[in-house]
């Protein structure tokens, strides 16, 4: 079997946001049913604190694949032409272990992470929610705006990041791209004040959103912090919220947004109301009232990448997109 290679532009063209949101629904439902394996990621810290190498394996039985996402995270890439996240998703055929595809991980991560937030918003936000605050102005800010537009009808959009040129540039570009007004604001509080949809997609390790800022009925997607000692929300924000996650095990081991207030004694593990897959399967209720604050803590998991990779592998081969290479895989007879 020839191995498929897809680049960033090819993935972007083959993976529109609505389709990716549907793939996230399938992946998280499949995982909740026990039809996929998703062990915790492992992390190698590079010498000199230069960055990280993250490895996320998984197996997706219903699609007949297994695989691994390998991503290097280099904060020093900020301000250069290169994304801080560089890597590949490796997709294998489960029957014989043949390498089916090698796919750009940065583009998959950018789209599927926002798609998971879009799915959470579709499940948990009020139907009339439409005042959006985006905290962060990088790649994920762009794709999260795409996802929020798919999930709800937006009335207002505000963006904050600590660098004025970054937030102003984002506001101008996205206003043109979507034909809507995106406002650049000077503080995180100015973005969050009065919003009923909040997306935090920053590299901050300290809280940038305080619980006292959140209006009743708000839905929050907390995405940026993905280690046990980093968080974007203060303890009060998490305590006030009805909390849902992509994977309970990952949250209990990796999420500073959850673990720090837990260490403070504010709540226990049962503060996690359920995984999104549990909500999709009707095992637990999502939003219960118009006044409730709901929170989706996203960490990103391998089955999301595998669902996307398997879909891209099929669609690209059908459409003749990408490069096919022969990597071998046949058995060598002994002399």
C-alpha atoms as a PDB file:
ATOM      1  CA  UNK A   1       0.000   0.000   0.000  1.00  0.00           C
ATOM      2  CA  UNK A   2       1.341   3.417  -0.943  1.00  0.00           C
ATOM      3  CA  UNK A   3       1.611   5.953   1.870  1.00  0.00           C
ATOM      4  CA  UNK A   4      -0.204   9.266   1.440  1.00  0.00           C
ATOM      5  CA  UNK A   5       1.494  12.563   2.326  1.00  0.00           C
ATOM      6  CA  UNK A   6      -0.616  15.706   2.783  1.00  0.00           C
ATOM      7  CA  UNK A   7       0.602  19.277   3.290  1.00  0.00           C
ATOM      8  CA  UNK A   8      -0.965  22.129   5.253  1.00  0.00           C
ATOM      9  CA  UNK A   9      -2.791  23.707   2.274  1.00  0.00           C
ATOM     10  CA  UNK A  10      -4.110  20.327   1.151  1.00  0.00           C
ATOM     11  CA  UNK A  11      -5.443  19.514   4.621  1.00  0.00           C
ATOM     12  CA  UNK A  12      -7.028  22.953   4.912  1.00  0.00           C
ATOM     13  CA  UNK A  13      -8.857  22.465   1.615  1.00  0.00           C
ATOM     14  CA  UNK A  14     -10.101  18.979   2.533  1.00  0.00           C
ATOM     15  CA  UNK A  15     -11.220  19.736   6.096  1.00  0.00           C
ATOM     16  CA  UNK A  16     -13.928  22.426   6.357  1.00  0.00           C
ATOM     17  CA  UNK A  17     -14.916  23.311   9.898  1.00  0.00           C
ATOM     18  CA  UNK A  18     -18.490  21.875   9.827  1.00  0.00           C
ATOM     19  CA  UNK A  19     -17.152  18.509   8.655  1.00  0.00           C
ATOM     20  CA  UNK A  20     -14.476  18.527  11.344  1.00  0.00           C
ATOM     21  CA  UNK A  21     -17.048  19.286  14.041  1.00  0.00           C
ATOM     22  CA  UNK A  22     -18.977  16.210  12.909  1.00  0.00           C
ATOM     23  CA  UNK A  23     -15.765  14.174  13.099  1.00  0.00           C
ATOM     24  CA  UNK A  24     -15.207  15.377  16.683  1.00  0.00           C
ATOM     25  CA  UNK A  25     -18.722  14.243  17.574  1.00  0.00           C
ATOM     26  CA  UNK A  26     -17.995  10.819  16.107  1.00  0.00           C
ATOM     27  CA  UNK A  27     -14.589  10.534  17.801  1.00  0.00           C
ATOM     28  CA  UNK A  28     -15.745  11.519  21.294  1.00  0.00           C
ATOM     29  CA  UNK A  29     -18.820   9.315  21.076  1.00  0.00           C
ATOM     30  CA  UNK A  30     -16.694   6.391  19.920  1.00  0.00           C
ATOM     31  CA  UNK A  31     -14.275   6.928  22.796  1.00  0.00           C
ATOM     32  CA  UNK A  32     -17.099   7.116  25.348  1.00  0.00           C
ATOM     33  CA  UNK A  33     -18.432   3.789  24.053  1.00  0.00           C
ATOM     34  CA  UNK A  34     -15.043   2.161  24.640  1.00  0.00           C
ATOM     35  CA  UNK A  35     -14.424   1.579  20.934  1.00  0.00           C
ATOM     36  CA  UNK A  36     -11.141   3.511  20.844  1.00  0.00           C
ATOM     37  CA  UNK A  37      -7.984   3.566  22.951  1.00  0.00           C
ATOM     38  CA  UNK A  38      -6.502   6.864  24.087  1.00  0.00           C
ATOM     39  CA  UNK A  39      -3.576   6.563  26.535  1.00  0.00           C
ATOM     40  CA  UNK A  40      -2.092   9.633  28.147  1.00  0.00           C
ATOM     41  CA  UNK A  41       0.381  11.592  26.061  1.00  0.00           C
ATOM     42  CA  UNK A  42       4.070  11.440  26.909  1.00  0.00           C
ATOM     43  CA  UNK A  43       6.351  14.460  26.859  1.00  0.00           C
ATOM     44  CA  UNK A  44      10.086  14.819  26.344  1.00  0.00           C
ATOM     45  CA  UNK A  45      11.537  18.097  27.596  1.00  0.00           C
ATOM     46  CA  UNK A  46      14.276  19.336  25.284  1.00  0.00           C
ATOM     47  CA  UNK A  47      17.675  20.316  26.627  1.00  0.00           C
ATOM     48  CA  UNK A  48      18.053  23.866  27.827  1.00  0.00           C
ATOM     49  CA  UNK A  49      14.285  24.268  28.310  1.00  0.00           C
ATOM     50  CA  UNK A  50      14.036  24.997  24.572  1.00  0.00           C
ATOM     51  CA  UNK A  51      10.726  23.224  24.182  1.00  0.00           C
ATOM     52  CA  UNK A  52       8.885  19.936  24.271  1.00  0.00           C
ATOM     53  CA  UNK A  53       8.338  16.855  22.152  1.00  0.00           C
ATOM     54  CA  UNK A  54       4.828  15.530  22.687  1.00  0.00           C
ATOM     55  CA  UNK A  55       3.738  12.042  21.620  1.00  0.00           C
ATOM     56  CA  UNK A  56       0.060  11.076  21.469  1.00  0.00           C
ATOM     57  CA  UNK A  57      -0.720   7.457  20.491  1.00  0.00           C
ATOM     58  CA  UNK A  58      -4.155   5.987  19.968  1.00  0.00           C
ATOM     59  CA  UNK A  59      -6.181   3.223  18.367  1.00  0.00           C
ATOM     60  CA  UNK A  60      -9.530   3.681  16.618  1.00  0.00           C
ATOM     61  CA  UNK A  61     -11.036   0.236  16.176  1.00  0.00           C
ATOM     62  CA  UNK A  62     -14.205   1.211  14.325  1.00  0.00           C
ATOM     63  CA  UNK A  63     -12.145   2.930  11.618  1.00  0.00           C
ATOM     64  CA  UNK A  64      -9.571   0.157  11.494  1.00  0.00           C
ATOM     65  CA  UNK A  65      -6.592   2.390  12.227  1.00  0.00           C
ATOM     66  CA  UNK A  66      -4.073   3.227  14.898  1.00  0.00           C
ATOM     67  CA  UNK A  67      -1.527   5.976  14.973  1.00  0.00           C
ATOM     68  CA  UNK A  68       0.558   8.597  16.654  1.00  0.00           C
ATOM     69  CA  UNK A  69       0.830  12.357  16.628  1.00  0.00           C
ATOM     70  CA  UNK A  70       4.347  13.648  17.246  1.00  0.00           C
ATOM     71  CA  UNK A  71       4.660  17.383  17.834  1.00  0.00           C
ATOM     72  CA  UNK A  72       7.604  19.586  18.698  1.00  0.00           C
ATOM     73  CA  UNK A  73       6.633  22.712  20.644  1.00  0.00           C
ATOM     74  CA  UNK A  74       9.199  25.491  20.233  1.00  0.00           C
ATOM     75  CA  UNK A  75       8.159  28.772  21.897  1.00  0.00           C
ATOM     76  CA  UNK A  76      11.155  30.476  20.262  1.00  0.00           C
ATOM     77  CA  UNK A  77       9.334  30.226  16.924  1.00  0.00           C
ATOM     78  CA  UNK A  78       7.071  33.110  17.941  1.00  0.00           C
ATOM     79  CA  UNK A  79       7.853  36.079  15.742  1.00  0.00           C
ATOM     80  CA  UNK A  80       9.371  33.874  13.019  1.00  0.00           C
ATOM     81  CA  UNK A  81       7.722  32.464   9.882  1.00  0.00           C
ATOM     82  CA  UNK A  82       7.282  29.151  11.710  1.00  0.00           C
ATOM     83  CA  UNK A  83       4.456  27.959  13.935  1.00  0.00           C
ATOM     84  CA  UNK A  84       5.382  27.076  17.513  1.00  0.00           C
ATOM     85  CA  UNK A  85       3.908  23.587  16.926  1.00  0.00           C
ATOM     86  CA  UNK A  86       5.646  21.423  14.302  1.00  0.00           C
ATOM     87  CA  UNK A  87       4.963  17.761  13.688  1.00  0.00           C
ATOM     88  CA  UNK A  88       3.209  14.943  11.899  1.00  0.00           C
ATOM     89  CA  UNK A  89       0.298  12.585  12.382  1.00  0.00           C
ATOM     90  CA  UNK A  90       1.202   9.003  11.454  1.00  0.00           C
ATOM     91  CA  UNK A  91      -1.728   6.791  10.450  1.00  0.00           C
ATOM     92  CA  UNK A  92      -1.433   3.003  10.237  1.00  0.00           C
ATOM     93  CA  UNK A  93      -3.732   0.291   8.917  1.00  0.00           C
ATOM     94  CA  UNK A  94      -4.808  -1.846  11.896  1.00  0.00           C
ATOM     95  CA  UNK A  95      -4.905  -5.133   9.968  1.00  0.00           C
ATOM     96  CA  UNK A  96      -1.281  -5.310   8.844  1.00  0.00           C
ATOM     97  CA  UNK A  97       0.266  -2.221  10.444  1.00  0.00           C
ATOM     98  CA  UNK A  98       0.984  -0.595   7.102  1.00  0.00           C
ATOM     99  CA  UNK A  99       1.662   3.161   7.164  1.00  0.00           C
ATOM    100  CA  UNK A 100      -1.342   4.701   5.407  1.00  0.00           C
ATOM    101  CA  UNK A 101      -0.597   8.395   5.779  1.00  0.00           C
ATOM    102  CA  UNK A 102       1.851  11.042   7.004  1.00  0.00           C
ATOM    103  CA  UNK A 103      -0.023  14.282   7.612  1.00  0.00           C
ATOM    104  CA  UNK A 104       0.948  17.765   8.760  1.00  0.00           C
ATOM    105  CA  UNK A 105       0.089  17.941  12.453  1.00  0.00           C
ATOM    106  CA  UNK A 106      -0.021  21.722  12.792  1.00  0.00           C
ATOM    107  CA  UNK A 107      -2.953  22.119  10.424  1.00  0.00           C
ATOM    108  CA  UNK A 108      -4.847  19.144  11.834  1.00  0.00           C
ATOM    109  CA  UNK A 109      -4.359  20.459  15.374  1.00  0.00           C
ATOM    110  CA  UNK A 110      -5.430  23.974  14.437  1.00  0.00           C
ATOM    111  CA  UNK A 111      -8.702  22.808  12.911  1.00  0.00           C
ATOM    112  CA  UNK A 112      -9.661  19.880  15.137  1.00  0.00           C
ATOM    113  CA  UNK A 113      -8.976  21.761  18.383  1.00  0.00           C
ATOM    114  CA  UNK A 114     -11.351  24.530  17.343  1.00  0.00           C
ATOM    115  CA  UNK A 115     -13.841  21.966  16.043  1.00  0.00           C
ATOM    116  CA  UNK A 116     -13.967  20.310  19.479  1.00  0.00           C
ATOM    117  CA  UNK A 117     -14.707  23.715  21.022  1.00  0.00           C
ATOM    118  CA  UNK A 118     -17.358  24.242  18.359  1.00  0.00           C
ATOM    119  CA  UNK A 119     -18.948  20.923  19.266  1.00  0.00           C
ATOM    120  CA  UNK A 120     -18.873  21.827  22.970  1.00  0.00           C
ATOM    121  CA  UNK A 121     -20.473  25.179  22.178  1.00  0.00           C
ATOM    122  CA  UNK A 122     -23.172  23.495  20.130  1.00  0.00           C
ATOM    123  CA  UNK A 123     -23.895  21.138  23.042  1.00  0.00           C
ATOM    124  CA  UNK A 124     -23.535  23.462  26.041  1.00  0.00           C
ATOM    125  CA  UNK A 125     -24.012  27.120  25.129  1.00  0.00           C
ATOM    126  CA  UNK A 126     -27.380  28.827  25.282  1.00  0.00           C
ATOM    127  CA  UNK A 127     -29.215  28.769  21.968  1.00  0.00           C
ATOM    128  CA  UNK A 128     -29.253  32.582  21.902  1.00  0.00           C
ATOM    129  CA  UNK A 129     -25.552  32.975  22.777  1.00  0.00           C
ATOM    130  CA  UNK A 130     -23.768  35.215  20.299  1.00  0.00           C
ATOM    131  CA  UNK A 131     -21.523  37.721  22.111  1.00  0.00           C
ATOM    132  CA  UNK A 132     -18.060  36.224  21.684  1.00  0.00           C
ATOM    133  CA  UNK A 133     -14.820  37.014  23.517  1.00  0.00           C
ATOM    134  CA  UNK A 134     -11.610  35.570  22.076  1.00  0.00           C
ATOM    135  CA  UNK A 135      -8.533  35.760  24.286  1.00  0.00           C
ATOM    136  CA  UNK A 136      -5.536  35.175  22.058  1.00  0.00           C
ATOM    137  CA  UNK A 137      -4.808  36.239  18.494  1.00  0.00           C
ATOM    138  CA  UNK A 138      -2.791  33.386  17.009  1.00  0.00           C
ATOM    139  CA  UNK A 139      -3.626  30.400  14.826  1.00  0.00           C
ATOM    140  CA  UNK A 140      -6.201  29.030  17.248  1.00  0.00           C
ATOM    141  CA  UNK A 141      -7.966  32.387  17.452  1.00  0.00           C
ATOM    142  CA  UNK A 142      -8.588  32.218  13.707  1.00  0.00           C
ATOM    143  CA  UNK A 143      -9.921  28.662  13.700  1.00  0.00           C
ATOM    144  CA  UNK A 144     -11.950  29.211  16.875  1.00  0.00           C
ATOM    145  CA  UNK A 145     -13.721  32.126  15.245  1.00  0.00           C
ATOM    146  CA  UNK A 146     -14.542  29.792  12.343  1.00  0.00           C
ATOM    147  CA  UNK A 147     -15.931  27.221  14.784  1.00  0.00           C
ATOM    148  CA  UNK A 148     -17.967  29.709  16.788  1.00  0.00           C
ATOM    149  CA  UNK A 149     -19.536  31.017  13.573  1.00  0.00           C
ATOM    150  CA  UNK A 150     -20.554  27.424  12.779  1.00  0.00           C
ATOM    151  CA  UNK A 151     -21.916  26.785  16.275  1.00  0.00           C
ATOM    152  CA  UNK A 152     -23.922  29.969  16.905  1.00  0.00           C
ATOM    153  CA  UNK A 153     -25.113  33.151  15.202  1.00  0.00           C
ATOM    154  CA  UNK A 154     -22.700  35.836  16.390  1.00  0.00           C
ATOM    155  CA  UNK A 155     -23.863  39.351  17.228  1.00  0.00           C
ATOM    156  CA  UNK A 156     -20.570  40.726  18.500  1.00  0.00           C
ATOM    157  CA  UNK A 157     -16.926  39.617  18.530  1.00  0.00           C
ATOM    158  CA  UNK A 158     -14.141  41.063  20.694  1.00  0.00           C
ATOM    159  CA  UNK A 159     -10.503  39.960  20.738  1.00  0.00           C
ATOM    160  CA  UNK A 160      -7.764  40.601  23.274  1.00  0.00           C
ATOM    161  CA  UNK A 161      -4.102  39.709  23.327  1.00  0.00           C
ATOM    162  CA  UNK A 162      -1.344  41.549  25.181  1.00  0.00           C
ATOM    163  CA  UNK A 163       0.380  42.725  21.977  1.00  0.00           C
ATOM    164  CA  UNK A 164      -1.657  45.566  20.403  1.00  0.00           C
ATOM    165  CA  UNK A 165      -0.351  44.949  16.883  1.00  0.00           C
ATOM    166  CA  UNK A 166      -1.330  41.273  17.077  1.00  0.00           C
ATOM    167  CA  UNK A 167      -4.876  41.858  18.254  1.00  0.00           C
ATOM    168  CA  UNK A 168      -5.386  44.809  15.883  1.00  0.00           C
ATOM    169  CA  UNK A 169      -4.101  42.774  12.965  1.00  0.00           C
ATOM    170  CA  UNK A 170      -6.317  39.842  13.855  1.00  0.00           C
ATOM    171  CA  UNK A 171      -9.371  42.077  14.144  1.00  0.00           C
ATOM    172  CA  UNK A 172      -8.734  43.669  10.749  1.00  0.00           C
ATOM    173  CA  UNK A 173      -8.035  40.392   8.943  1.00  0.00           C
ATOM    174  CA  UNK A 174     -10.952  38.490  10.400  1.00  0.00           C
ATOM    175  CA  UNK A 175     -13.369  41.376   9.882  1.00  0.00           C
ATOM    176  CA  UNK A 176     -12.507  41.280   6.179  1.00  0.00           C
ATOM    177  CA  UNK A 177     -12.536  37.491   5.950  1.00  0.00           C
ATOM    178  CA  UNK A 178     -15.945  37.000   7.532  1.00  0.00           C
ATOM    179  CA  UNK A 179     -17.644  40.279   6.703  1.00  0.00           C
ATOM    180  CA  UNK A 180     -18.334  40.948  10.372  1.00  0.00           C
ATOM    181  CA  UNK A 181     -16.923  43.485  12.812  1.00  0.00           C
ATOM    182  CA  UNK A 182     -14.247  42.072  15.100  1.00  0.00           C
ATOM    183  CA  UNK A 183     -13.335  44.572  17.830  1.00  0.00           C
ATOM    184  CA  UNK A 184      -9.826  44.813  19.265  1.00  0.00           C
ATOM    185  CA  UNK A 185      -9.955  45.637  22.995  1.00  0.00           C
ATOM    186  CA  UNK A 186      -7.230  46.636  25.424  1.00  0.00           C
ATOM    187  CA  UNK A 187      -7.860  44.252  28.331  1.00  0.00           C
ATOM    188  CA  UNK A 188      -9.076  40.718  28.892  1.00  0.00           C
ATOM    189  CA  UNK A 189     -11.848  42.047  31.091  1.00  0.00           C
ATOM    190  CA  UNK A 190     -13.071  44.367  28.334  1.00  0.00           C
ATOM    191  CA  UNK A 191     -13.368  41.341  26.053  1.00  0.00           C
ATOM    192  CA  UNK A 192     -15.164  39.143  28.585  1.00  0.00           C
ATOM    193  CA  UNK A 193     -17.504  41.787  30.037  1.00  0.00           C
ATOM    194  CA  UNK A 194     -21.017  40.955  28.862  1.00  0.00           C
ATOM    195  CA  UNK A 195     -19.917  38.051  26.646  1.00  0.00           C
ATOM    196  CA  UNK A 196     -21.901  34.811  26.654  1.00  0.00           C
ATOM    197  CA  UNK A 197     -19.254  32.877  24.687  1.00  0.00           C
ATOM    198  CA  UNK A 198     -15.613  32.963  25.835  1.00  0.00           C
ATOM    199  CA  UNK A 199     -12.666  31.186  24.185  1.00  0.00           C
ATOM    200  CA  UNK A 200      -9.307  31.268  25.960  1.00  0.00           C
ATOM    201  CA  UNK A 201      -6.545  30.220  23.561  1.00  0.00           C
ATOM    202  CA  UNK A 202      -3.386  31.734  24.961  1.00  0.00           C
ATOM    203  CA  UNK A 203       0.046  30.567  26.075  1.00  0.00           C
ATOM    204  CA  UNK A 204      -0.445  32.081  29.532  1.00  0.00           C
ATOM    205  CA  UNK A 205       0.455  29.986  32.572  1.00  0.00           C
ATOM    206  CA  UNK A 206      -1.374  32.345  34.952  1.00  0.00           C
ATOM    207  CA  UNK A 207      -5.119  33.115  34.979  1.00  0.00           C
ATOM    208  CA  UNK A 208      -6.269  35.648  32.419  1.00  0.00           C
ATOM    209  CA  UNK A 209      -9.994  35.237  33.165  1.00  0.00           C
ATOM    210  CA  UNK A 210     -11.457  35.714  36.648  1.00  0.00           C
ATOM    211  CA  UNK A 211     -14.637  34.043  37.770  1.00  0.00           C
ATOM    212  CA  UNK A 212     -16.160  37.334  38.878  1.00  0.00           C
ATOM    213  CA  UNK A 213     -16.103  38.551  35.269  1.00  0.00           C
ATOM    214  CA  UNK A 214     -18.306  35.754  33.926  1.00  0.00           C
ATOM    215  CA  UNK A 215     -21.953  36.651  33.443  1.00  0.00           C
ATOM    216  CA  UNK A 216     -24.656  34.092  34.283  1.00  0.00           C
ATOM    217  CA  UNK A 217     -25.352  31.852  31.301  1.00  0.00           C
ATOM    218  CA  UNK A 218     -21.868  32.143  29.801  1.00  0.00           C
ATOM    219  CA  UNK A 219     -20.214  29.207  28.051  1.00  0.00           C
ATOM    220  CA  UNK A 220     -16.403  29.027  28.219  1.00  0.00           C
ATOM    221  CA  UNK A 221     -14.014  27.009  26.048  1.00  0.00           C
ATOM    222  CA  UNK A 222     -10.670  26.866  27.909  1.00  0.00           C
ATOM    223  CA  UNK A 223      -8.094  25.623  25.433  1.00  0.00           C
ATOM    224  CA  UNK A 224      -4.641  27.147  25.807  1.00  0.00           C
ATOM    225  CA  UNK A 225      -3.238  25.613  29.017  1.00  0.00           C
ATOM    226  CA  UNK A 226      -2.329  21.931  28.687  1.00  0.00           C
ATOM    227  CA  UNK A 227       0.013  21.162  31.581  1.00  0.00           C
ATOM    228  CA  UNK A 228      -0.674  20.608  35.264  1.00  0.00           C
ATOM    229  CA  UNK A 229       0.983  23.847  36.377  1.00  0.00           C
ATOM    230  CA  UNK A 230      -0.524  26.199  33.777  1.00  0.00           C
ATOM    231  CA  UNK A 231      -4.013  27.674  33.680  1.00  0.00           C
ATOM    232  CA  UNK A 232      -6.000  30.400  31.957  1.00  0.00           C
ATOM    233  CA  UNK A 233      -8.932  30.515  34.418  1.00  0.00           C
ATOM    234  CA  UNK A 234      -8.737  31.372  38.089  1.00  0.00           C
ATOM    235  CA  UNK A 235     -10.111  28.982  40.693  1.00  0.00           C
ATOM    236  CA  UNK A 236     -13.351  30.915  41.097  1.00  0.00           C
ATOM    237  CA  UNK A 237     -14.139  30.609  37.396  1.00  0.00           C
ATOM    238  CA  UNK A 238     -13.790  26.830  37.477  1.00  0.00           C
ATOM    239  CA  UNK A 239     -15.669  26.544  40.769  1.00  0.00           C
ATOM    240  CA  UNK A 240     -18.607  28.562  39.389  1.00  0.00           C
ATOM    241  CA  UNK A 241     -18.849  26.448  36.260  1.00  0.00           C
ATOM    242  CA  UNK A 242     -20.454  23.169  35.290  1.00  0.00           C
ATOM    243  CA  UNK A 243     -17.322  21.458  33.957  1.00  0.00           C
ATOM    244  CA  UNK A 244     -17.072  19.139  30.956  1.00  0.00           C
ATOM    245  CA  UNK A 245     -13.932  17.687  29.387  1.00  0.00           C
ATOM    246  CA  UNK A 246     -12.770  15.809  26.318  1.00  0.00           C
ATOM    247  CA  UNK A 247     -11.199  13.028  28.417  1.00  0.00           C
ATOM    248  CA  UNK A 248     -11.529  12.621  32.192  1.00  0.00           C
ATOM    249  CA  UNK A 249      -8.218  10.765  32.596  1.00  0.00           C
ATOM    250  CA  UNK A 250      -6.345  13.505  30.746  1.00  0.00           C
ATOM    251  CA  UNK A 251      -7.928  16.221  32.885  1.00  0.00           C
ATOM    252  CA  UNK A 252      -7.030  14.452  36.129  1.00  0.00           C
ATOM    253  CA  UNK A 253      -3.398  14.164  35.054  1.00  0.00           C
ATOM    254  CA  UNK A 254      -2.665  17.159  32.835  1.00  0.00           C
ATOM    255  CA  UNK A 255      -4.987  20.124  33.383  1.00  0.00           C
ATOM    256  CA  UNK A 256      -3.778  22.949  35.600  1.00  0.00           C
ATOM    257  CA  UNK A 257      -7.143  24.676  35.180  1.00  0.00           C
ATOM    258  CA  UNK A 258      -8.635  21.746  37.111  1.00  0.00           C
ATOM    259  CA  UNK A 259      -5.739  20.495  39.246  1.00  0.00           C
ATOM    260  CA  UNK A 260      -4.700  23.804  40.824  1.00  0.00           C
ATOM    261  CA  UNK A 261      -8.102  24.598  42.394  1.00  0.00           C
ATOM    262  CA  UNK A 262      -8.412  20.931  43.333  1.00  0.00           C
ATOM    263  CA  UNK A 263      -5.107  21.189  45.209  1.00  0.00           C
ATOM    264  CA  UNK A 264      -6.516  24.259  46.920  1.00  0.00           C
ATOM    265  CA  UNK A 265      -9.299  22.052  48.282  1.00  0.00           C
ATOM    266  CA  UNK A 266     -12.117  23.800  46.413  1.00  0.00           C
ATOM    267  CA  UNK A 267     -13.535  20.598  44.919  1.00  0.00           C
ATOM    268  CA  UNK A 268     -12.801  16.972  44.140  1.00  0.00           C
ATOM    269  CA  UNK A 269     -12.770  14.857  41.020  1.00  0.00           C
ATOM    270  CA  UNK A 270     -16.565  14.818  40.916  1.00  0.00           C
ATOM    271  CA  UNK A 271     -16.516  18.484  39.867  1.00  0.00           C
ATOM    272  CA  UNK A 272     -16.028  17.045  36.364  1.00  0.00           C
ATOM    273  CA  UNK A 273     -19.635  16.509  35.304  1.00  0.00           C
ATOM    274  CA  UNK A 274     -18.729  14.354  32.340  1.00  0.00           C
ATOM    275  CA  UNK A 275     -16.952  14.004  29.034  1.00  0.00           C
ATOM    276  CA  UNK A 276     -18.517  15.482  25.910  1.00  0.00           C
ATOM    277  CA  UNK A 277     -19.029  11.897  24.771  1.00  0.00           C
ATOM    278  CA  UNK A 278     -21.184  11.268  27.848  1.00  0.00           C
ATOM    279  CA  UNK A 279     -23.362  14.248  26.949  1.00  0.00           C
ATOM    280  CA  UNK A 280     -23.672  13.010  23.367  1.00  0.00           C
ATOM    281  CA  UNK A 281     -24.726   9.553  24.570  1.00  0.00           C
ATOM    282  CA  UNK A 282     -27.229  10.980  27.074  1.00  0.00           C
ATOM    283  CA  UNK A 283     -25.311   9.678  30.090  1.00  0.00           C
ATOM    284  CA  UNK A 284     -25.215  13.100  31.724  1.00  0.00           C
ATOM    285  CA  UNK A 285     -27.034  16.380  31.272  1.00  0.00           C
ATOM    286  CA  UNK A 286     -25.310  19.338  29.666  1.00  0.00           C
ATOM    287  CA  UNK A 287     -26.636  22.814  30.338  1.00  0.00           C
ATOM    288  CA  UNK A 288     -29.541  22.699  32.814  1.00  0.00           C
ATOM    289  CA  UNK A 289     -30.610  26.349  32.905  1.00  0.00           C
ATOM    290  CA  UNK A 290     -30.182  29.659  31.102  1.00  0.00           C
ATOM    291  CA  UNK A 291     -28.242  31.067  34.082  1.00  0.00           C
ATOM    292  CA  UNK A 292     -25.749  28.242  34.485  1.00  0.00           C
ATOM    293  CA  UNK A 293     -22.110  28.831  33.503  1.00  0.00           C
ATOM    294  CA  UNK A 294     -20.762  25.934  31.461  1.00  0.00           C
ATOM    295  CA  UNK A 295     -17.080  25.191  30.882  1.00  0.00           C
ATOM    296  CA  UNK A 296     -15.398  22.912  28.374  1.00  0.00           C
ATOM    297  CA  UNK A 297     -11.794  22.213  29.337  1.00  0.00           C
ATOM    298  CA  UNK A 298     -10.041  21.067  26.176  1.00  0.00           C
ATOM    299  CA  UNK A 299      -6.720  19.258  26.242  1.00  0.00           C
ATOM    300  CA  UNK A 300      -6.785  17.644  22.795  1.00  0.00           C
ATOM    301  CA  UNK A 301      -6.583  13.868  22.493  1.00  0.00           C
ATOM    302  CA  UNK A 302      -5.253  11.346  20.004  1.00  0.00           C
ATOM    303  CA  UNK A 303      -8.597   9.908  18.887  1.00  0.00           C
ATOM    304  CA  UNK A 304      -9.519  13.354  17.545  1.00  0.00           C
ATOM    305  CA  UNK A 305      -6.387  13.341  15.401  1.00  0.00           C
ATOM    306  CA  UNK A 306      -7.016   9.771  14.234  1.00  0.00           C
ATOM    307  CA  UNK A 307     -10.614  10.495  13.240  1.00  0.00           C
ATOM    308  CA  UNK A 308      -9.424  13.441  11.161  1.00  0.00           C
ATOM    309  CA  UNK A 309      -6.449  11.552   9.705  1.00  0.00           C
ATOM    310  CA  UNK A 310      -8.600   8.592   8.663  1.00  0.00           C
ATOM    311  CA  UNK A 311     -11.126  10.930   7.048  1.00  0.00           C
ATOM    312  CA  UNK A 312      -8.414  12.851   5.201  1.00  0.00           C
ATOM    313  CA  UNK A 313      -6.796   9.628   4.016  1.00  0.00           C
ATOM    314  CA  UNK A 314     -10.056   8.472   2.445  1.00  0.00           C
ATOM    315  CA  UNK A 315     -11.126  11.795   0.942  1.00  0.00           C
ATOM    316  CA  UNK A 316      -7.689  12.654  -0.446  1.00  0.00           C
ATOM    317  CA  UNK A 317      -7.328   9.281  -2.167  1.00  0.00           C
ATOM    318  CA  UNK A 318     -10.826   9.608  -3.639  1.00  0.00           C
ATOM    319  CA  UNK A 319     -10.039  13.073  -5.004  1.00  0.00           C
ATOM    320  CA  UNK A 320      -6.477  12.346  -6.085  1.00  0.00           C
ATOM    321  CA  UNK A 321      -4.990  14.894  -3.685  1.00  0.00           C
ATOM    322  CA  UNK A 322      -1.581  14.511  -2.070  1.00  0.00           C
ATOM    323  CA  UNK A 323       1.579  12.550  -2.802  1.00  0.00           C
ATOM    324  CA  UNK A 324       1.777   8.764  -2.721  1.00  0.00           C
ATOM    325  CA  UNK A 325       5.088   7.129  -1.849  1.00  0.00           C
ATOM    326  CA  UNK A 326       6.070   3.485  -1.524  1.00  0.00           C
ATOM    327  CA  UNK A 327       7.566   2.870   1.899  1.00  0.00           C
ATOM    328  CA  UNK A 328       7.736  -0.905   1.648  1.00  0.00           C
ATOM    329  CA  UNK A 329       6.108  -2.997   4.322  1.00  0.00           C
ATOM    330  CA  UNK A 330       6.251  -6.353   2.514  1.00  0.00           C
ATOM    331  CA  UNK A 331       7.987  -9.302   4.117  1.00  0.00           C
ATOM    332  CA  UNK A 332      11.570  -9.999   3.086  1.00  0.00           C
ATOM    333  CA  UNK A 333      12.256 -13.677   2.535  1.00  0.00           C
ATOM    334  CA  UNK A 334      15.396 -15.052   4.114  1.00  0.00           C
ATOM    335  CA  UNK A 335      18.195 -15.954   1.710  1.00  0.00           C
END
